[in-house]
Amino acid sequence: MTVLIGLVILSFSTIHLLEYLSYYARIAGRLAKRPVTGYAVQNATTTITRFFYLALMPLLGFLIDKQIPVATYQLMGLCALFGATLLSLLAFFVRFHWITLLANFIQRRAGKPKLRTDDIRKQLEIPSAFPRRRIVVLAAAVFLCYALGVLVSYYFALVFHDYRSTISQLSGIVNGFATVLLTFVLEPRIAAIVDDHPTHDVYHAVQAMLTGRLLAVGILAPALFWSLGNALA
């Protein structure tokens, strides 16, 4: 059982790491003068996370069927959220190296000289007056739903075990709502910035979105998950 719990934490954390890293492909595409290719790389990276979801969902379902202790599930959920936060912070600290790697990958057949991390850092860290607060708030709302959708629905399935099959499907509803916000509210804003603004504005906008994601996954989600556990105890 301990191994399965560890696999849940690892799968959940890896999903968030890959999704966090995927957004930097937008910036890399702009730097390589191939924004559409950058978007394609982001989508490809996001698609890879679906394989980890294929592992995560059956593992959670099995643990619920085995009726692991509620306290154990709560601890597992918190560890998964903190694991996702730590890996996302790691991605934040290596972001310029990752962007450089992606940009050079995107332009590998264009016959251009390789980009250097120091040059990219200077280009992207140009101060920007672009308003970012709304992006942070929207991103926090979207990714809070994503972070808690699966964990909370299976938590209720564990507590109300007789209705576990029905309750576990609630994750699709929560994630669907988050997808609507992401697709029709947040993503169009980022896409417009990619199309109409200089590269350093694109970087600051993407970074604002990822800041909102970190705020949701690292602070808001654990606080709400812990509060929910105490309320159900």
C-alpha atoms as a PDB file:
ATOM      1  CA  MET A   1       0.000   0.000   0.000  1.00  0.00           C
ATOM      2  CA  THR A   2       2.877   2.373   0.761  1.00  0.00           C
ATOM      3  CA  VAL A   3       4.257   1.858  -2.751  1.00  0.00           C
ATOM      4  CA  LEU A   4       0.893   2.742  -4.297  1.00  0.00           C
ATOM      5  CA  ILE A   5       0.658   5.883  -2.203  1.00  0.00           C
ATOM      6  CA  GLY A   6       4.154   6.840  -3.327  1.00  0.00           C
ATOM      7  CA  LEU A   7       3.160   6.283  -6.973  1.00  0.00           C
ATOM      8  CA  VAL A   8       0.134   8.549  -6.531  1.00  0.00           C
ATOM      9  CA  ILE A   9       2.314  11.315  -5.120  1.00  0.00           C
ATOM     10  CA  LEU A  10       4.909  10.841  -7.869  1.00  0.00           C
ATOM     11  CA  SER A  11       2.311  10.813 -10.675  1.00  0.00           C
ATOM     12  CA  PHE A  12       0.519  13.890  -9.371  1.00  0.00           C
ATOM     13  CA  SER A  13       3.774  15.810  -8.887  1.00  0.00           C
ATOM     14  CA  THR A  14       5.086  14.850 -12.330  1.00  0.00           C
ATOM     15  CA  ILE A  15       1.869  15.984 -14.001  1.00  0.00           C
ATOM     16  CA  HIS A  16       2.222  19.441 -12.477  1.00  0.00           C
ATOM     17  CA  LEU A  17       5.930  19.646 -13.296  1.00  0.00           C
ATOM     18  CA  LEU A  18       5.364  18.859 -16.973  1.00  0.00           C
ATOM     19  CA  GLU A  19       2.419  21.227 -17.249  1.00  0.00           C
ATOM     20  CA  TYR A  20       4.432  23.996 -15.592  1.00  0.00           C
ATOM     21  CA  LEU A  21       7.371  23.470 -17.946  1.00  0.00           C
ATOM     22  CA  SER A  22       5.102  23.287 -21.004  1.00  0.00           C
ATOM     23  CA  TYR A  23       4.130  26.965 -20.830  1.00  0.00           C
ATOM     24  CA  TYR A  24       7.716  28.079 -21.368  1.00  0.00           C
ATOM     25  CA  ALA A  25       7.450  26.620 -24.875  1.00  0.00           C
ATOM     26  CA  ARG A  26       5.357  29.694 -25.771  1.00  0.00           C
ATOM     27  CA  ILE A  27       8.306  31.927 -24.933  1.00  0.00           C
ATOM     28  CA  ALA A  28      10.801  29.631 -26.642  1.00  0.00           C
ATOM     29  CA  GLY A  29       8.697  29.724 -29.795  1.00  0.00           C
ATOM     30  CA  ARG A  30       8.781  33.516 -29.838  1.00  0.00           C
ATOM     31  CA  LEU A  31      12.539  33.571 -29.301  1.00  0.00           C
ATOM     32  CA  ALA A  32      13.020  31.095 -32.161  1.00  0.00           C
ATOM     33  CA  LYS A  33      10.656  33.144 -34.391  1.00  0.00           C
ATOM     34  CA  ARG A  34       8.326  30.145 -34.571  1.00  0.00           C
ATOM     35  CA  PRO A  35       5.456  30.823 -32.146  1.00  0.00           C
ATOM     36  CA  VAL A  36       3.158  28.209 -33.695  1.00  0.00           C
ATOM     37  CA  THR A  37       5.808  25.526 -33.252  1.00  0.00           C
ATOM     38  CA  GLY A  38       6.231  26.656 -29.654  1.00  0.00           C
ATOM     39  CA  TYR A  39       2.500  26.210 -29.105  1.00  0.00           C
ATOM     40  CA  ALA A  40       2.708  22.739 -30.656  1.00  0.00           C
ATOM     41  CA  VAL A  41       5.537  21.800 -28.276  1.00  0.00           C
ATOM     42  CA  GLN A  42       3.424  22.985 -25.357  1.00  0.00           C
ATOM     43  CA  ASN A  43       0.492  20.845 -26.472  1.00  0.00           C
ATOM     44  CA  ALA A  44       2.757  17.823 -26.975  1.00  0.00           C
ATOM     45  CA  THR A  45       4.171  18.204 -23.463  1.00  0.00           C
ATOM     46  CA  THR A  46       0.695  18.565 -21.999  1.00  0.00           C
ATOM     47  CA  THR A  47      -0.436  15.437 -23.844  1.00  0.00           C
ATOM     48  CA  ILE A  48       2.341  13.448 -22.144  1.00  0.00           C
ATOM     49  CA  THR A  49       0.782  14.287 -18.780  1.00  0.00           C
ATOM     50  CA  ARG A  50      -2.329  12.342 -19.801  1.00  0.00           C
ATOM     51  CA  PHE A  51      -0.302   9.126 -19.542  1.00  0.00           C
ATOM     52  CA  PHE A  52       0.411   9.970 -15.908  1.00  0.00           C
ATOM     53  CA  TYR A  53      -3.312  10.564 -15.393  1.00  0.00           C
ATOM     54  CA  LEU A  54      -3.894   7.054 -16.745  1.00  0.00           C
ATOM     55  CA  ALA A  55      -1.721   5.810 -13.885  1.00  0.00           C
ATOM     56  CA  LEU A  56      -3.066   8.203 -11.256  1.00  0.00           C
ATOM     57  CA  MET A  57      -6.799   7.542 -11.580  1.00  0.00           C
ATOM     58  CA  PRO A  58      -6.756   3.709 -11.224  1.00  0.00           C
ATOM     59  CA  LEU A  59      -4.322   4.000  -8.313  1.00  0.00           C
ATOM     60  CA  LEU A  60      -6.619   6.407  -6.502  1.00  0.00           C
ATOM     61  CA  GLY A  61      -9.620   4.218  -7.307  1.00  0.00           C
ATOM     62  CA  PHE A  62      -7.890   1.136  -5.897  1.00  0.00           C
ATOM     63  CA  LEU A  63      -6.947   2.963  -2.684  1.00  0.00           C
ATOM     64  CA  ILE A  64     -10.545   4.116  -2.265  1.00  0.00           C
ATOM     65  CA  ASP A  65     -11.869   0.579  -2.839  1.00  0.00           C
ATOM     66  CA  LYS A  66      -9.456  -0.673  -0.171  1.00  0.00           C
ATOM     67  CA  GLN A  67     -10.743   2.052   2.163  1.00  0.00           C
ATOM     68  CA  ILE A  68      -7.409   3.396   3.286  1.00  0.00           C
ATOM     69  CA  PRO A  69      -7.689   5.471   6.484  1.00  0.00           C
ATOM     70  CA  VAL A  70      -9.005   8.983   5.899  1.00  0.00           C
ATOM     71  CA  ALA A  71      -6.014  10.442   7.743  1.00  0.00           C
ATOM     72  CA  THR A  72      -3.672   8.554   5.405  1.00  0.00           C
ATOM     73  CA  TYR A  73      -5.513   9.880   2.353  1.00  0.00           C
ATOM     74  CA  GLN A  74      -5.333  13.417   3.717  1.00  0.00           C
ATOM     75  CA  LEU A  75      -1.589  13.093   4.286  1.00  0.00           C
ATOM     76  CA  MET A  76      -1.141  11.603   0.807  1.00  0.00           C
ATOM     77  CA  GLY A  77      -3.052  14.486  -0.768  1.00  0.00           C
ATOM     78  CA  LEU A  78      -0.994  17.094   1.059  1.00  0.00           C
ATOM     79  CA  CYS A  79       2.244  15.345   0.080  1.00  0.00           C
ATOM     80  CA  ALA A  80       1.091  15.269  -3.553  1.00  0.00           C
ATOM     81  CA  LEU A  81       0.358  19.003  -3.498  1.00  0.00           C
ATOM     82  CA  PHE A  82       3.654  19.842  -1.827  1.00  0.00           C
ATOM     83  CA  GLY A  83       5.508  17.533  -4.211  1.00  0.00           C
ATOM     84  CA  ALA A  84       3.918  19.347  -7.146  1.00  0.00           C
ATOM     85  CA  THR A  85       4.893  22.670  -5.593  1.00  0.00           C
ATOM     86  CA  LEU A  86       8.515  21.676  -5.001  1.00  0.00           C
ATOM     87  CA  LEU A  87       8.962  20.380  -8.555  1.00  0.00           C
ATOM     88  CA  SER A  88       7.308  23.517  -9.937  1.00  0.00           C
ATOM     89  CA  LEU A  89       9.681  25.674  -7.899  1.00  0.00           C
ATOM     90  CA  LEU A  90      12.574  23.665  -9.300  1.00  0.00           C
ATOM     91  CA  ALA A  91      11.253  24.382 -12.795  1.00  0.00           C
ATOM     92  CA  PHE A  92      11.037  28.076 -11.910  1.00  0.00           C
ATOM     93  CA  PHE A  93      14.690  28.228 -10.863  1.00  0.00           C
ATOM     94  CA  VAL A  94      15.906  26.533 -14.064  1.00  0.00           C
ATOM     95  CA  ARG A  95      13.441  28.360 -16.337  1.00  0.00           C
ATOM     96  CA  PHE A  96      16.021  30.231 -18.421  1.00  0.00           C
ATOM     97  CA  HIS A  97      18.011  27.059 -19.096  1.00  0.00           C
ATOM     98  CA  TRP A  98      14.793  25.268 -20.048  1.00  0.00           C
ATOM     99  CA  ILE A  99      13.663  28.084 -22.345  1.00  0.00           C
ATOM    100  CA  THR A 100      17.083  28.063 -24.021  1.00  0.00           C
ATOM    101  CA  LEU A 101      16.898  24.299 -24.514  1.00  0.00           C
ATOM    102  CA  LEU A 102      13.421  24.526 -26.023  1.00  0.00           C
ATOM    103  CA  ALA A 103      14.264  27.484 -28.268  1.00  0.00           C
ATOM    104  CA  ASN A 104      17.335  25.725 -29.666  1.00  0.00           C
ATOM    105  CA  PHE A 105      15.273  22.576 -30.190  1.00  0.00           C
ATOM    106  CA  ILE A 106      12.594  24.501 -32.099  1.00  0.00           C
ATOM    107  CA  GLN A 107      15.118  26.199 -34.399  1.00  0.00           C
ATOM    108  CA  ARG A 108      17.457  23.208 -34.697  1.00  0.00           C
ATOM    109  CA  ARG A 109      16.937  22.897 -38.481  1.00  0.00           C
ATOM    110  CA  ALA A 110      16.855  26.600 -39.285  1.00  0.00           C
ATOM    111  CA  GLY A 111      20.642  26.938 -39.632  1.00  0.00           C
ATOM    112  CA  LYS A 112      20.771  29.656 -36.975  1.00  0.00           C
ATOM    113  CA  PRO A 113      23.434  29.947 -34.246  1.00  0.00           C
ATOM    114  CA  LYS A 114      22.467  28.480 -30.912  1.00  0.00           C
ATOM    115  CA  LEU A 115      20.934  30.821 -28.380  1.00  0.00           C
ATOM    116  CA  ARG A 116      22.743  31.354 -25.082  1.00  0.00           C
ATOM    117  CA  THR A 117      21.086  31.364 -21.673  1.00  0.00           C
ATOM    118  CA  ASP A 118      22.677  34.645 -20.562  1.00  0.00           C
ATOM    119  CA  ASP A 119      21.462  36.426 -23.698  1.00  0.00           C
ATOM    120  CA  ILE A 120      17.958  35.060 -23.267  1.00  0.00           C
ATOM    121  CA  ARG A 121      17.874  36.092 -19.618  1.00  0.00           C
ATOM    122  CA  LYS A 122      18.817  39.680 -20.524  1.00  0.00           C
ATOM    123  CA  GLN A 123      16.212  39.790 -23.278  1.00  0.00           C
ATOM    124  CA  LEU A 124      13.387  38.460 -21.126  1.00  0.00           C
ATOM    125  CA  GLU A 125      14.087  40.343 -17.907  1.00  0.00           C
ATOM    126  CA  ILE A 126      13.520  43.740 -19.487  1.00  0.00           C
ATOM    127  CA  PRO A 127      11.120  45.592 -17.142  1.00  0.00           C
ATOM    128  CA  SER A 128       7.535  45.600 -18.354  1.00  0.00           C
ATOM    129  CA  ALA A 129       4.583  47.804 -17.484  1.00  0.00           C
ATOM    130  CA  PHE A 130       2.200  45.125 -18.699  1.00  0.00           C
ATOM    131  CA  PRO A 131      -0.652  44.592 -16.168  1.00  0.00           C
ATOM    132  CA  ARG A 132      -0.332  41.130 -14.668  1.00  0.00           C
ATOM    133  CA  ARG A 133      -2.511  41.074 -11.557  1.00  0.00           C
ATOM    134  CA  ARG A 134      -5.644  39.891 -13.379  1.00  0.00           C
ATOM    135  CA  ILE A 135      -3.693  37.066 -15.015  1.00  0.00           C
ATOM    136  CA  VAL A 136      -2.390  35.937 -11.610  1.00  0.00           C
ATOM    137  CA  VAL A 137      -5.919  35.905 -10.142  1.00  0.00           C
ATOM    138  CA  LEU A 138      -7.453  34.059 -13.103  1.00  0.00           C
ATOM    139  CA  ALA A 139      -4.646  31.509 -13.169  1.00  0.00           C
ATOM    140  CA  ALA A 140      -4.991  30.905  -9.431  1.00  0.00           C
ATOM    141  CA  ALA A 141      -8.721  30.208  -9.834  1.00  0.00           C
ATOM    142  CA  VAL A 142      -8.208  27.874 -12.805  1.00  0.00           C
ATOM    143  CA  PHE A 143      -5.370  25.840 -11.359  1.00  0.00           C
ATOM    144  CA  LEU A 144      -6.960  25.644  -7.918  1.00  0.00           C
ATOM    145  CA  CYS A 145      -9.796  23.711  -9.575  1.00  0.00           C
ATOM    146  CA  TYR A 146      -7.307  21.522 -11.421  1.00  0.00           C
ATOM    147  CA  ALA A 147      -5.264  20.834  -8.290  1.00  0.00           C
ATOM    148  CA  LEU A 148      -8.218  19.872  -6.106  1.00  0.00           C
ATOM    149  CA  GLY A 149     -10.651  18.345  -8.612  1.00  0.00           C
ATOM    150  CA  VAL A 150      -9.353  14.787  -8.452  1.00  0.00           C
ATOM    151  CA  LEU A 151      -8.090  14.783  -4.867  1.00  0.00           C
ATOM    152  CA  VAL A 152     -11.253  16.204  -3.325  1.00  0.00           C
ATOM    153  CA  SER A 153     -13.701  14.096  -5.328  1.00  0.00           C
ATOM    154  CA  TYR A 154     -11.914  10.890  -4.314  1.00  0.00           C
ATOM    155  CA  TYR A 155     -11.712  12.180  -0.747  1.00  0.00           C
ATOM    156  CA  PHE A 156     -15.517  12.408  -0.645  1.00  0.00           C
ATOM    157  CA  ALA A 157     -15.704   8.978  -2.280  1.00  0.00           C
ATOM    158  CA  LEU A 158     -13.610   7.595   0.567  1.00  0.00           C
ATOM    159  CA  VAL A 159     -15.688   9.253   3.278  1.00  0.00           C
ATOM    160  CA  PHE A 160     -19.052   8.362   1.693  1.00  0.00           C
ATOM    161  CA  HIS A 161     -17.904   4.955   0.520  1.00  0.00           C
ATOM    162  CA  ASP A 162     -21.312   3.570  -0.449  1.00  0.00           C
ATOM    163  CA  TYR A 163     -21.583   6.226  -3.172  1.00  0.00           C
ATOM    164  CA  ARG A 164     -17.947   6.141  -4.245  1.00  0.00           C
ATOM    165  CA  SER A 165     -18.602   5.417  -7.938  1.00  0.00           C
ATOM    166  CA  THR A 166     -20.944   8.376  -8.317  1.00  0.00           C
ATOM    167  CA  ILE A 167     -18.880  10.794  -6.256  1.00  0.00           C
ATOM    168  CA  SER A 168     -15.605   9.947  -8.001  1.00  0.00           C
ATOM    169  CA  GLN A 169     -17.107  11.253 -11.257  1.00  0.00           C
ATOM    170  CA  LEU A 170     -17.328  14.737  -9.737  1.00  0.00           C
ATOM    171  CA  SER A 171     -13.673  15.257 -10.653  1.00  0.00           C
ATOM    172  CA  GLY A 172     -14.732  15.488 -14.299  1.00  0.00           C
ATOM    173  CA  ILE A 173     -17.212  18.253 -13.471  1.00  0.00           C
ATOM    174  CA  VAL A 174     -14.659  20.295 -11.519  1.00  0.00           C
ATOM    175  CA  ASN A 175     -11.941  19.807 -14.125  1.00  0.00           C
ATOM    176  CA  GLY A 176     -14.451  20.601 -16.863  1.00  0.00           C
ATOM    177  CA  PHE A 177     -15.254  23.934 -15.212  1.00  0.00           C
ATOM    178  CA  ALA A 178     -11.534  24.677 -14.942  1.00  0.00           C
ATOM    179  CA  THR A 179     -11.080  23.760 -18.609  1.00  0.00           C
ATOM    180  CA  VAL A 180     -13.801  26.216 -19.606  1.00  0.00           C
ATOM    181  CA  LEU A 181     -12.082  29.010 -17.656  1.00  0.00           C
ATOM    182  CA  LEU A 182      -8.707  28.085 -19.117  1.00  0.00           C
ATOM    183  CA  THR A 183      -9.912  27.768 -22.712  1.00  0.00           C
ATOM    184  CA  PHE A 184     -12.292  30.708 -22.956  1.00  0.00           C
ATOM    185  CA  VAL A 185     -10.902  33.202 -20.434  1.00  0.00           C
ATOM    186  CA  LEU A 186      -7.220  32.705 -19.617  1.00  0.00           C
ATOM    187  CA  GLU A 187      -5.767  31.164 -22.785  1.00  0.00           C
ATOM    188  CA  PRO A 188      -7.187  33.859 -25.137  1.00  0.00           C
ATOM    189  CA  ARG A 189      -5.467  36.522 -23.040  1.00  0.00           C
ATOM    190  CA  ILE A 190      -2.128  34.746 -23.270  1.00  0.00           C
ATOM    191  CA  ALA A 191      -2.597  34.082 -27.002  1.00  0.00           C
ATOM    192  CA  ALA A 192      -3.334  37.764 -27.675  1.00  0.00           C
ATOM    193  CA  ILE A 193      -0.188  38.752 -25.792  1.00  0.00           C
ATOM    194  CA  VAL A 194       1.894  36.258 -27.772  1.00  0.00           C
ATOM    195  CA  ASP A 195       0.519  37.691 -31.025  1.00  0.00           C
ATOM    196  CA  ASP A 196       0.627  41.407 -30.268  1.00  0.00           C
ATOM    197  CA  HIS A 197       3.312  42.123 -27.677  1.00  0.00           C
ATOM    198  CA  PRO A 198       7.124  41.974 -27.579  1.00  0.00           C
ATOM    199  CA  THR A 199       8.822  38.834 -26.295  1.00  0.00           C
ATOM    200  CA  HIS A 200       9.609  40.211 -22.848  1.00  0.00           C
ATOM    201  CA  ASP A 201       5.896  41.008 -22.332  1.00  0.00           C
ATOM    202  CA  VAL A 202       5.077  37.427 -23.329  1.00  0.00           C
ATOM    203  CA  TYR A 203       7.562  36.199 -20.736  1.00  0.00           C
ATOM    204  CA  HIS A 204       6.111  38.384 -17.969  1.00  0.00           C
ATOM    205  CA  ALA A 205       2.542  37.344 -18.854  1.00  0.00           C
ATOM    206  CA  VAL A 206       3.417  33.637 -18.830  1.00  0.00           C
ATOM    207  CA  GLN A 207       5.330  34.093 -15.598  1.00  0.00           C
ATOM    208  CA  ALA A 208       2.311  35.832 -14.055  1.00  0.00           C
ATOM    209  CA  MET A 209       0.150  32.855 -15.026  1.00  0.00           C
ATOM    210  CA  LEU A 210       2.658  30.433 -13.523  1.00  0.00           C
ATOM    211  CA  THR A 211       2.823  32.564 -10.365  1.00  0.00           C
ATOM    212  CA  GLY A 212      -0.934  32.168 -10.051  1.00  0.00           C
ATOM    213  CA  ARG A 213      -0.517  28.444 -10.564  1.00  0.00           C
ATOM    214  CA  LEU A 214       2.097  28.233  -7.791  1.00  0.00           C
ATOM    215  CA  LEU A 215      -0.123  30.279  -5.498  1.00  0.00           C
ATOM    216  CA  ALA A 216      -3.009  27.874  -6.121  1.00  0.00           C
ATOM    217  CA  VAL A 217      -1.088  24.590  -5.897  1.00  0.00           C
ATOM    218  CA  GLY A 218       1.344  25.571  -3.146  1.00  0.00           C
ATOM    219  CA  ILE A 219      -0.832  27.637  -0.799  1.00  0.00           C
ATOM    220  CA  LEU A 220      -4.554  27.740  -1.584  1.00  0.00           C
ATOM    221  CA  ALA A 221      -5.042  24.064  -2.458  1.00  0.00           C
ATOM    222  CA  PRO A 222      -3.251  22.643   0.623  1.00  0.00           C
ATOM    223  CA  ALA A 223      -5.110  25.096   2.894  1.00  0.00           C
ATOM    224  CA  LEU A 224      -8.498  24.139   1.451  1.00  0.00           C
ATOM    225  CA  PHE A 225      -7.666  20.437   1.408  1.00  0.00           C
ATOM    226  CA  TRP A 226      -6.581  20.533   5.061  1.00  0.00           C
ATOM    227  CA  SER A 227      -9.668  22.535   6.057  1.00  0.00           C
ATOM    228  CA  LEU A 228     -11.903  20.063   4.246  1.00  0.00           C
ATOM    229  CA  GLY A 229     -10.243  17.155   6.028  1.00  0.00           C
ATOM    230  CA  ASN A 230     -10.807  18.794   9.405  1.00  0.00           C
ATOM    231  CA  ALA A 231     -14.439  19.530   8.520  1.00  0.00           C
ATOM    232  CA  LEU A 232     -15.080  15.895   7.571  1.00  0.00           C
ATOM    233  CA  ALA A 233     -13.206  14.445  10.545  1.00  0.00           C
END
